Amino acid sequence: MKLYYREEGKENEQTIVIVHGLYGSSDNWLTVGKKLGKMHHVYMVDQRNHGRSPNADEHNYEDMTEDLAGFFEEHQIEKAIVIGHSMGGKTAMYFAAQYPEKIDKLIVADIAPKNYFELQEKGQYYLHQHILESLKEVRKHQFETREEIADFLSLKLDNKGLVMFLLKNVYRNKQTKKFDCRINVDVLYDHLDEVISGVNYRWMEDRMPILNYPVLFIKGEKSPYISEEDEKKIKEIYPEAQITTIPDAGHWLHAEQPKLFMEALERFI
């Protein structure tokens, strides 16, 4: 699959590839990309079923990994620093495990190599299920303005920051004149269990310990995505991994604490 991408920096500099999370796109990483682009050659990709990349009937980490491998081949990237957030962090971990020779450094933002579909973690699954159901309703209703959509999502989700983030996916279709979503809502809904559960500890068992490349995990202090128990598992998979916490940040740590997030990136890079 030919992925849409944005690009910053000069071609002769060290390459960085940024992979966004669920509901995200390269747009969400423009500020980070521009800053890193002052010293590096930065690609920000849209994963399948997101942003301006093509839609597909399948949405799993094997396919997203091969999409990324195709992107490396298309752009003749021999080696890169790969940064992945949330779902993109899982894609990045799996890509690095499959193609270690392509990795200079691996940076994973606020996600762990774990099955979030396990009993004690099902709240994450139900949250995302509710988000996608709400976006399905947005597509069905005849909203006249983005403000109406914002009000509708606010009633459904009761989280202003999340609503503003999701609204970046909403656009008016020039042909139908109706509001639609850039993400492939139906396919993501059907494959949500794979997104939530994939790239877990068991996936990595036959590769442990991974020592081929330096690894950094960046977690939000207020985020539930990386627990103390998860940190122990991370260290089993990546014994030399660094783990740093961004104070007063949740899951979207790069947007909530951009200065501290950039400092963490630059120290490691």
C-alpha atoms as a PDB file:
ATOM      1  CA  MET A   1       0.000   0.000   0.000  1.00  0.00           C
ATOM      2  CA  LYS A   2       1.311   3.451  -0.945  1.00  0.00           C
ATOM      3  CA  LEU A   3       1.091   5.574   2.204  1.00  0.00           C
ATOM      4  CA  TYR A   4       0.461   9.318   2.213  1.00  0.00           C
ATOM      5  CA  TYR A   5       3.189  11.248   4.007  1.00  0.00           C
ATOM      6  CA  ARG A   6       4.460  14.674   4.961  1.00  0.00           C
ATOM      7  CA  GLU A   7       8.132  15.548   4.882  1.00  0.00           C
ATOM      8  CA  GLU A   8      10.421  17.979   6.673  1.00  0.00           C
ATOM      9  CA  GLY A   9      14.166  18.595   6.632  1.00  0.00           C
ATOM     10  CA  LYS A  10      16.949  17.773   4.207  1.00  0.00           C
ATOM     11  CA  GLU A  11      17.557  14.463   2.456  1.00  0.00           C
ATOM     12  CA  ASN A  12      21.205  14.138   3.477  1.00  0.00           C
ATOM     13  CA  GLU A  13      20.396  14.260   7.205  1.00  0.00           C
ATOM     14  CA  GLN A  14      19.564  11.345   9.520  1.00  0.00           C
ATOM     15  CA  THR A  15      16.106   9.971   8.749  1.00  0.00           C
ATOM     16  CA  ILE A  16      13.250   9.901  11.257  1.00  0.00           C
ATOM     17  CA  VAL A  17       9.907   8.220  10.510  1.00  0.00           C
ATOM     18  CA  ILE A  18       6.909   9.123  12.694  1.00  0.00           C
ATOM     19  CA  VAL A  19       3.891   6.807  12.934  1.00  0.00           C
ATOM     20  CA  HIS A  20       0.670   8.204  14.448  1.00  0.00           C
ATOM     21  CA  GLY A  21      -1.883   6.439  16.636  1.00  0.00           C
ATOM     22  CA  LEU A  22      -5.528   5.412  16.337  1.00  0.00           C
ATOM     23  CA  TYR A  23      -7.716   8.227  14.904  1.00  0.00           C
ATOM     24  CA  GLY A  24      -4.545  10.207  14.202  1.00  0.00           C
ATOM     25  CA  SER A  25      -2.694  11.260  11.064  1.00  0.00           C
ATOM     26  CA  SER A  26       0.510  12.957   9.977  1.00  0.00           C
ATOM     27  CA  ASP A  27      -1.259  16.288  10.647  1.00  0.00           C
ATOM     28  CA  ASN A  28      -1.047  15.639  14.390  1.00  0.00           C
ATOM     29  CA  TRP A  29       2.751  15.490  14.207  1.00  0.00           C
ATOM     30  CA  LEU A  30       3.502  18.552  12.096  1.00  0.00           C
ATOM     31  CA  THR A  31       4.817  20.601  15.027  1.00  0.00           C
ATOM     32  CA  VAL A  32       7.125  17.793  16.165  1.00  0.00           C
ATOM     33  CA  GLY A  33       8.134  17.067  12.563  1.00  0.00           C
ATOM     34  CA  LYS A  34       9.040  20.696  11.837  1.00  0.00           C
ATOM     35  CA  LYS A  35      11.183  20.942  14.965  1.00  0.00           C
ATOM     36  CA  LEU A  36      12.976  17.664  14.294  1.00  0.00           C
ATOM     37  CA  GLY A  37      13.312  18.670  10.644  1.00  0.00           C
ATOM     38  CA  LYS A  38      15.748  21.445  11.568  1.00  0.00           C
ATOM     39  CA  MET A  39      18.434  18.797  12.108  1.00  0.00           C
ATOM     40  CA  HIS A  40      16.981  15.651  10.517  1.00  0.00           C
ATOM     41  CA  HIS A  41      15.093  14.349   7.494  1.00  0.00           C
ATOM     42  CA  VAL A  42      11.601  13.600   8.833  1.00  0.00           C
ATOM     43  CA  TYR A  43       8.753  11.603   7.308  1.00  0.00           C
ATOM     44  CA  MET A  44       5.322  11.616   8.951  1.00  0.00           C
ATOM     45  CA  VAL A  45       3.130   8.867   7.481  1.00  0.00           C
ATOM     46  CA  ASP A  46      -0.607   8.252   7.492  1.00  0.00           C
ATOM     47  CA  GLN A  47      -1.279   4.611   8.320  1.00  0.00           C
ATOM     48  CA  ARG A  48      -3.850   2.651   6.314  1.00  0.00           C
ATOM     49  CA  ASN A  49      -7.486   3.598   6.995  1.00  0.00           C
ATOM     50  CA  HIS A  50      -6.318   6.950   8.402  1.00  0.00           C
ATOM     51  CA  GLY A  51      -5.730  10.443   7.070  1.00  0.00           C
ATOM     52  CA  ARG A  52      -5.115  10.564   3.335  1.00  0.00           C
ATOM     53  CA  SER A  53      -3.718   7.048   2.950  1.00  0.00           C
ATOM     54  CA  PRO A  54      -5.874   4.457   1.170  1.00  0.00           C
ATOM     55  CA  ASN A  55      -8.593   2.513   2.926  1.00  0.00           C
ATOM     56  CA  ALA A  56      -8.392  -1.265   3.138  1.00  0.00           C
ATOM     57  CA  ASP A  57     -10.630  -4.104   4.293  1.00  0.00           C
ATOM     58  CA  GLU A  58      -7.968  -5.350   6.730  1.00  0.00           C
ATOM     59  CA  HIS A  59      -6.436  -3.512   9.658  1.00  0.00           C
ATOM     60  CA  ASN A  60      -3.840  -5.480  11.619  1.00  0.00           C
ATOM     61  CA  TYR A  61      -0.232  -5.021  12.676  1.00  0.00           C
ATOM     62  CA  GLU A  62       1.167  -7.481  10.152  1.00  0.00           C
ATOM     63  CA  ASP A  63      -0.285  -5.429   7.306  1.00  0.00           C
ATOM     64  CA  MET A  64       0.651  -2.085   8.869  1.00  0.00           C
ATOM     65  CA  THR A  65       4.206  -3.363   9.311  1.00  0.00           C
ATOM     66  CA  GLU A  66       4.397  -4.367   5.666  1.00  0.00           C
ATOM     67  CA  ASP A  67       2.942  -0.993   4.669  1.00  0.00           C
ATOM     68  CA  LEU A  68       5.812   0.637   6.550  1.00  0.00           C
ATOM     69  CA  ALA A  69       8.357  -1.723   4.997  1.00  0.00           C
ATOM     70  CA  GLY A  70       7.023  -0.733   1.581  1.00  0.00           C
ATOM     71  CA  PHE A  71       7.369   2.928   2.520  1.00  0.00           C
ATOM     72  CA  PHE A  72      11.029   2.381   3.486  1.00  0.00           C
ATOM     73  CA  GLU A  73      11.634   0.648   0.159  1.00  0.00           C
ATOM     74  CA  GLU A  74       9.786   3.296  -1.866  1.00  0.00           C
ATOM     75  CA  HIS A  75      11.826   6.102  -0.319  1.00  0.00           C
ATOM     76  CA  GLN A  76      15.088   4.129  -0.263  1.00  0.00           C
ATOM     77  CA  ILE A  77      15.415   4.454   3.506  1.00  0.00           C
ATOM     78  CA  GLU A  78      18.183   2.114   4.599  1.00  0.00           C
ATOM     79  CA  LYS A  79      17.918   2.933   8.300  1.00  0.00           C
ATOM     80  CA  ALA A  80      15.893   5.328  10.408  1.00  0.00           C
ATOM     81  CA  ILE A  81      14.878   6.399  13.867  1.00  0.00           C
ATOM     82  CA  VAL A  82      11.259   5.271  14.148  1.00  0.00           C
ATOM     83  CA  ILE A  83       8.856   7.078  16.488  1.00  0.00           C
ATOM     84  CA  GLY A  84       5.426   5.569  17.102  1.00  0.00           C
ATOM     85  CA  HIS A  85       2.564   6.765  19.297  1.00  0.00           C
ATOM     86  CA  SER A  86      -0.179   4.482  20.667  1.00  0.00           C
ATOM     87  CA  MET A  87      -1.281   2.173  17.818  1.00  0.00           C
ATOM     88  CA  GLY A  88       1.641   3.598  15.848  1.00  0.00           C
ATOM     89  CA  GLY A  89       3.917   2.584  18.713  1.00  0.00           C
ATOM     90  CA  LYS A  90       2.774  -0.991  18.327  1.00  0.00           C
ATOM     91  CA  THR A  91       3.321  -0.788  14.572  1.00  0.00           C
ATOM     92  CA  ALA A  92       6.803   0.610  15.246  1.00  0.00           C
ATOM     93  CA  MET A  93       7.646  -2.162  17.749  1.00  0.00           C
ATOM     94  CA  TYR A  94       6.523  -4.874  15.353  1.00  0.00           C
ATOM     95  CA  PHE A  95       8.285  -3.288  12.373  1.00  0.00           C
ATOM     96  CA  ALA A  96      11.493  -3.028  14.402  1.00  0.00           C
ATOM     97  CA  ALA A  97      11.208  -6.659  15.474  1.00  0.00           C
ATOM     98  CA  GLN A  98      10.621  -7.786  11.886  1.00  0.00           C
ATOM     99  CA  TYR A  99      13.241  -5.506  10.308  1.00  0.00           C
ATOM    100  CA  PRO A 100      15.891  -4.762  12.978  1.00  0.00           C
ATOM    101  CA  GLU A 101      18.427  -3.874  10.296  1.00  0.00           C
ATOM    102  CA  LYS A 102      16.232  -0.881   9.382  1.00  0.00           C
ATOM    103  CA  ILE A 103      16.272   0.636  12.874  1.00  0.00           C
ATOM    104  CA  ASP A 104      18.728   3.209  14.222  1.00  0.00           C
ATOM    105  CA  LYS A 105      16.650   3.868  17.322  1.00  0.00           C
ATOM    106  CA  LEU A 106      13.106   3.008  18.398  1.00  0.00           C
ATOM    107  CA  ILE A 107      10.939   5.490  20.318  1.00  0.00           C
ATOM    108  CA  VAL A 108       7.554   4.340  21.623  1.00  0.00           C
ATOM    109  CA  ALA A 109       5.149   6.959  22.976  1.00  0.00           C
ATOM    110  CA  ASP A 110       2.608   5.909  25.620  1.00  0.00           C
ATOM    111  CA  ILE A 111       1.858   2.316  24.674  1.00  0.00           C
ATOM    112  CA  ALA A 112       3.175  -1.005  25.975  1.00  0.00           C
ATOM    113  CA  PRO A 113       3.729  -4.344  24.247  1.00  0.00           C
ATOM    114  CA  LYS A 114       0.651  -5.799  25.932  1.00  0.00           C
ATOM    115  CA  ASN A 115      -2.802  -7.163  25.228  1.00  0.00           C
ATOM    116  CA  TYR A 116      -5.142  -4.352  26.288  1.00  0.00           C
ATOM    117  CA  PHE A 117      -8.075  -6.700  25.684  1.00  0.00           C
ATOM    118  CA  GLU A 118      -7.280  -8.660  28.842  1.00  0.00           C
ATOM    119  CA  LEU A 119     -10.003  -8.655  31.490  1.00  0.00           C
ATOM    120  CA  GLN A 120      -8.535  -5.933  33.679  1.00  0.00           C
ATOM    121  CA  GLU A 121      -7.913  -3.704  30.651  1.00  0.00           C
ATOM    122  CA  LYS A 122     -11.235  -4.011  28.814  1.00  0.00           C
ATOM    123  CA  GLY A 123     -12.132  -0.440  29.750  1.00  0.00           C
ATOM    124  CA  GLN A 124      -9.777   0.714  26.977  1.00  0.00           C
ATOM    125  CA  TYR A 125     -11.574  -1.514  24.488  1.00  0.00           C
ATOM    126  CA  TYR A 126     -15.025  -0.261  25.472  1.00  0.00           C
ATOM    127  CA  LEU A 127     -13.854   3.349  25.322  1.00  0.00           C
ATOM    128  CA  HIS A 128     -12.614   2.955  21.754  1.00  0.00           C
ATOM    129  CA  GLN A 129     -15.714   0.997  20.795  1.00  0.00           C
ATOM    130  CA  HIS A 130     -17.851   3.882  22.080  1.00  0.00           C
ATOM    131  CA  ILE A 131     -15.737   6.424  20.180  1.00  0.00           C
ATOM    132  CA  LEU A 132     -16.141   4.534  16.902  1.00  0.00           C
ATOM    133  CA  GLU A 133     -19.875   4.046  17.460  1.00  0.00           C
ATOM    134  CA  SER A 134     -20.180   7.801  18.010  1.00  0.00           C
ATOM    135  CA  LEU A 135     -18.295   8.510  14.775  1.00  0.00           C
ATOM    136  CA  LYS A 136     -20.583   6.094  12.957  1.00  0.00           C
ATOM    137  CA  GLU A 137     -23.511   8.192  14.134  1.00  0.00           C
ATOM    138  CA  VAL A 138     -21.806  11.362  12.902  1.00  0.00           C
ATOM    139  CA  ARG A 139     -21.718   9.852   9.417  1.00  0.00           C
ATOM    140  CA  LYS A 140     -25.423   8.942   9.537  1.00  0.00           C
ATOM    141  CA  HIS A 141     -26.801  12.253  10.802  1.00  0.00           C
ATOM    142  CA  GLN A 142     -27.380  15.267   8.583  1.00  0.00           C
ATOM    143  CA  PHE A 143     -25.302  17.775  10.507  1.00  0.00           C
ATOM    144  CA  GLU A 144     -25.150  21.270   9.039  1.00  0.00           C
ATOM    145  CA  THR A 145     -22.039  22.564  10.840  1.00  0.00           C
ATOM    146  CA  ARG A 146     -18.929  21.330  12.606  1.00  0.00           C
ATOM    147  CA  GLU A 147     -20.230  23.043  15.746  1.00  0.00           C
ATOM    148  CA  GLU A 148     -23.255  20.720  15.730  1.00  0.00           C
ATOM    149  CA  ILE A 149     -20.929  17.726  15.421  1.00  0.00           C
ATOM    150  CA  ALA A 150     -18.789  19.037  18.282  1.00  0.00           C
ATOM    151  CA  ASP A 151     -21.869  19.408  20.489  1.00  0.00           C
ATOM    152  CA  PHE A 152     -23.059  15.906  19.574  1.00  0.00           C
ATOM    153  CA  LEU A 153     -19.664  14.304  20.339  1.00  0.00           C
ATOM    154  CA  SER A 154     -19.359  16.270  23.578  1.00  0.00           C
ATOM    155  CA  LEU A 155     -22.643  14.788  24.785  1.00  0.00           C
ATOM    156  CA  LYS A 156     -21.500  11.307  23.790  1.00  0.00           C
ATOM    157  CA  LEU A 157     -17.919  11.409  25.053  1.00  0.00           C
ATOM    158  CA  ASP A 158     -17.797  14.118  27.735  1.00  0.00           C
ATOM    159  CA  ASN A 159     -14.145  14.885  27.006  1.00  0.00           C
ATOM    160  CA  LYS A 160     -13.387  18.210  25.319  1.00  0.00           C
ATOM    161  CA  GLY A 161      -9.797  17.353  24.394  1.00  0.00           C
ATOM    162  CA  LEU A 162     -10.829  14.048  22.831  1.00  0.00           C
ATOM    163  CA  VAL A 163     -13.661  15.718  20.914  1.00  0.00           C
ATOM    164  CA  MET A 164     -11.319  18.359  19.470  1.00  0.00           C
ATOM    165  CA  PHE A 165      -8.872  15.613  18.464  1.00  0.00           C
ATOM    166  CA  LEU A 166     -11.602  13.555  16.752  1.00  0.00           C
ATOM    167  CA  LEU A 167     -12.947  16.611  14.912  1.00  0.00           C
ATOM    168  CA  LYS A 168      -9.690  16.725  12.951  1.00  0.00           C
ATOM    169  CA  ASN A 169     -10.993  13.614  11.164  1.00  0.00           C
ATOM    170  CA  VAL A 170     -14.277  15.252  10.159  1.00  0.00           C
ATOM    171  CA  TYR A 171     -14.570  16.927   6.756  1.00  0.00           C
ATOM    172  CA  ARG A 172     -17.288  17.873   4.286  1.00  0.00           C
ATOM    173  CA  ASN A 173     -17.354  15.580   1.289  1.00  0.00           C
ATOM    174  CA  LYS A 174     -17.310  17.760  -1.844  1.00  0.00           C
ATOM    175  CA  GLN A 175     -19.380  15.270  -3.817  1.00  0.00           C
ATOM    176  CA  THR A 176     -22.095  14.405  -1.312  1.00  0.00           C
ATOM    177  CA  LYS A 177     -21.935  17.765   0.519  1.00  0.00           C
ATOM    178  CA  LYS A 178     -22.282  15.774   3.758  1.00  0.00           C
ATOM    179  CA  PHE A 179     -19.876  15.499   6.649  1.00  0.00           C
ATOM    180  CA  ASP A 180     -17.768  12.348   6.703  1.00  0.00           C
ATOM    181  CA  CYS A 181     -14.734  10.914   8.534  1.00  0.00           C
ATOM    182  CA  ARG A 182     -11.261  10.517   7.082  1.00  0.00           C
ATOM    183  CA  ILE A 183     -10.700   7.385   9.132  1.00  0.00           C
ATOM    184  CA  ASN A 184     -12.301   4.167   7.894  1.00  0.00           C
ATOM    185  CA  VAL A 185     -14.724   3.919  10.811  1.00  0.00           C
ATOM    186  CA  ASP A 186     -16.394   0.633   9.840  1.00  0.00           C
ATOM    187  CA  VAL A 187     -13.155  -1.296   9.271  1.00  0.00           C
ATOM    188  CA  LEU A 188     -11.557   0.071  12.448  1.00  0.00           C
ATOM    189  CA  TYR A 189     -14.653  -0.939  14.409  1.00  0.00           C
ATOM    190  CA  ASP A 190     -14.553  -4.465  12.956  1.00  0.00           C
ATOM    191  CA  HIS A 191     -10.827  -4.836  13.711  1.00  0.00           C
ATOM    192  CA  LEU A 192     -10.742  -3.056  17.055  1.00  0.00           C
ATOM    193  CA  ASP A 193      -9.963  -6.212  19.020  1.00  0.00           C
ATOM    194  CA  GLU A 194      -6.828  -6.728  16.882  1.00  0.00           C
ATOM    195  CA  VAL A 195      -5.737  -3.111  17.383  1.00  0.00           C
ATOM    196  CA  ILE A 196      -6.219  -3.374  21.155  1.00  0.00           C
ATOM    197  CA  SER A 197      -4.737  -6.835  21.690  1.00  0.00           C
ATOM    198  CA  GLY A 198      -1.944  -7.094  19.096  1.00  0.00           C
ATOM    199  CA  VAL A 199       1.832  -6.718  19.535  1.00  0.00           C
ATOM    200  CA  ASN A 200       1.807  -8.059  23.068  1.00  0.00           C
ATOM    201  CA  TYR A 201       4.322  -9.843  25.268  1.00  0.00           C
ATOM    202  CA  ARG A 202       3.591 -13.228  23.650  1.00  0.00           C
ATOM    203  CA  TRP A 203       4.283 -11.776  20.200  1.00  0.00           C
ATOM    204  CA  MET A 204       7.780 -10.881  21.363  1.00  0.00           C
ATOM    205  CA  GLU A 205       8.635 -14.033  23.341  1.00  0.00           C
ATOM    206  CA  ASP A 206      10.556 -15.746  20.544  1.00  0.00           C
ATOM    207  CA  ARG A 207      12.644 -12.595  19.952  1.00  0.00           C
ATOM    208  CA  MET A 208      13.604 -11.749  23.536  1.00  0.00           C
ATOM    209  CA  PRO A 209      15.834 -10.151  24.579  1.00  0.00           C
ATOM    210  CA  ILE A 210      15.876  -7.439  21.909  1.00  0.00           C
ATOM    211  CA  LEU A 211      19.241  -5.666  21.959  1.00  0.00           C
ATOM    212  CA  ASN A 212      19.688  -4.728  18.299  1.00  0.00           C
ATOM    213  CA  TYR A 213      18.904  -1.031  18.715  1.00  0.00           C
ATOM    214  CA  PRO A 214      18.449   1.578  21.457  1.00  0.00           C
ATOM    215  CA  VAL A 215      14.857   1.877  22.718  1.00  0.00           C
ATOM    216  CA  LEU A 216      13.043   4.671  24.528  1.00  0.00           C
ATOM    217  CA  PHE A 217       9.528   4.482  25.982  1.00  0.00           C
ATOM    218  CA  ILE A 218       7.898   7.813  26.822  1.00  0.00           C
ATOM    219  CA  LYS A 219       4.840   7.653  29.076  1.00  0.00           C
ATOM    220  CA  GLY A 220       2.366  10.267  30.251  1.00  0.00           C
ATOM    221  CA  GLU A 221       2.236  10.605  34.029  1.00  0.00           C
ATOM    222  CA  LYS A 222      -1.588  10.660  33.979  1.00  0.00           C
ATOM    223  CA  SER A 223      -1.992   7.991  31.310  1.00  0.00           C
ATOM    224  CA  PRO A 224      -3.061   4.430  32.176  1.00  0.00           C
ATOM    225  CA  TYR A 225      -1.369   2.907  29.135  1.00  0.00           C
ATOM    226  CA  ILE A 226       1.998   2.012  30.745  1.00  0.00           C
ATOM    227  CA  SER A 227       1.763   0.671  34.303  1.00  0.00           C
ATOM    228  CA  GLU A 228       4.566  -0.366  36.660  1.00  0.00           C
ATOM    229  CA  GLU A 229       3.860  -3.984  35.733  1.00  0.00           C
ATOM    230  CA  ASP A 230       4.126  -3.055  32.057  1.00  0.00           C
ATOM    231  CA  GLU A 231       7.527  -1.490  32.708  1.00  0.00           C
ATOM    232  CA  LYS A 232       8.773  -4.837  34.059  1.00  0.00           C
ATOM    233  CA  LYS A 233       7.581  -6.568  30.880  1.00  0.00           C
ATOM    234  CA  ILE A 234       9.192  -3.882  28.734  1.00  0.00           C
ATOM    235  CA  LYS A 235      12.509  -4.514  30.496  1.00  0.00           C
ATOM    236  CA  GLU A 236      12.199  -8.255  29.851  1.00  0.00           C
ATOM    237  CA  ILE A 237      11.738  -7.616  26.128  1.00  0.00           C
ATOM    238  CA  TYR A 238      14.134  -4.656  25.873  1.00  0.00           C
ATOM    239  CA  PRO A 239      16.625  -5.009  28.791  1.00  0.00           C
ATOM    240  CA  GLU A 240      18.463  -1.813  27.897  1.00  0.00           C
ATOM    241  CA  ALA A 241      15.363   0.299  27.213  1.00  0.00           C
ATOM    242  CA  GLN A 242      15.052   3.729  28.743  1.00  0.00           C
ATOM    243  CA  ILE A 243      11.659   4.700  30.172  1.00  0.00           C
ATOM    244  CA  THR A 244      10.872   8.339  30.831  1.00  0.00           C
ATOM    245  CA  THR A 245       7.732   9.976  32.199  1.00  0.00           C
ATOM    246  CA  ILE A 246       6.281  13.292  31.044  1.00  0.00           C
ATOM    247  CA  PRO A 247       4.778  15.107  34.063  1.00  0.00           C
ATOM    248  CA  ASP A 248       1.152  16.243  33.963  1.00  0.00           C
ATOM    249  CA  ALA A 249       0.505  14.516  30.632  1.00  0.00           C
ATOM    250  CA  GLY A 250      -2.058  11.947  29.541  1.00  0.00           C
ATOM    251  CA  HIS A 251      -2.112   9.689  26.491  1.00  0.00           C
ATOM    252  CA  TRP A 252      -1.713  12.523  23.944  1.00  0.00           C
ATOM    253  CA  LEU A 253       1.473  13.629  25.665  1.00  0.00           C
ATOM    254  CA  HIS A 254       3.033  15.250  22.585  1.00  0.00           C
ATOM    255  CA  ALA A 255       0.082  17.668  22.399  1.00  0.00           C
ATOM    256  CA  GLU A 256      -0.388  18.135  26.153  1.00  0.00           C
ATOM    257  CA  GLN A 257       3.263  18.759  27.054  1.00  0.00           C
ATOM    258  CA  PRO A 258       4.973  19.547  23.727  1.00  0.00           C
ATOM    259  CA  LYS A 259       8.082  21.194  25.210  1.00  0.00           C
ATOM    260  CA  LEU A 260       8.825  18.336  27.632  1.00  0.00           C
ATOM    261  CA  PHE A 261       8.052  15.753  24.957  1.00  0.00           C
ATOM    262  CA  MET A 262      10.465  17.393  22.502  1.00  0.00           C
ATOM    263  CA  GLU A 263      13.153  17.566  25.169  1.00  0.00           C
ATOM    264  CA  ALA A 264      12.776  13.826  25.814  1.00  0.00           C
ATOM    265  CA  LEU A 265      13.031  13.101  22.090  1.00  0.00           C
ATOM    266  CA  GLU A 266      16.063  15.313  21.555  1.00  0.00           C
ATOM    267  CA  ARG A 267      17.960  13.869  24.538  1.00  0.00           C
ATOM    268  CA  PHE A 268      17.545  10.343  23.216  1.00  0.00           C
ATOM    269  CA  ILE A 269      18.108  11.132  19.555  1.00  0.00           C
END
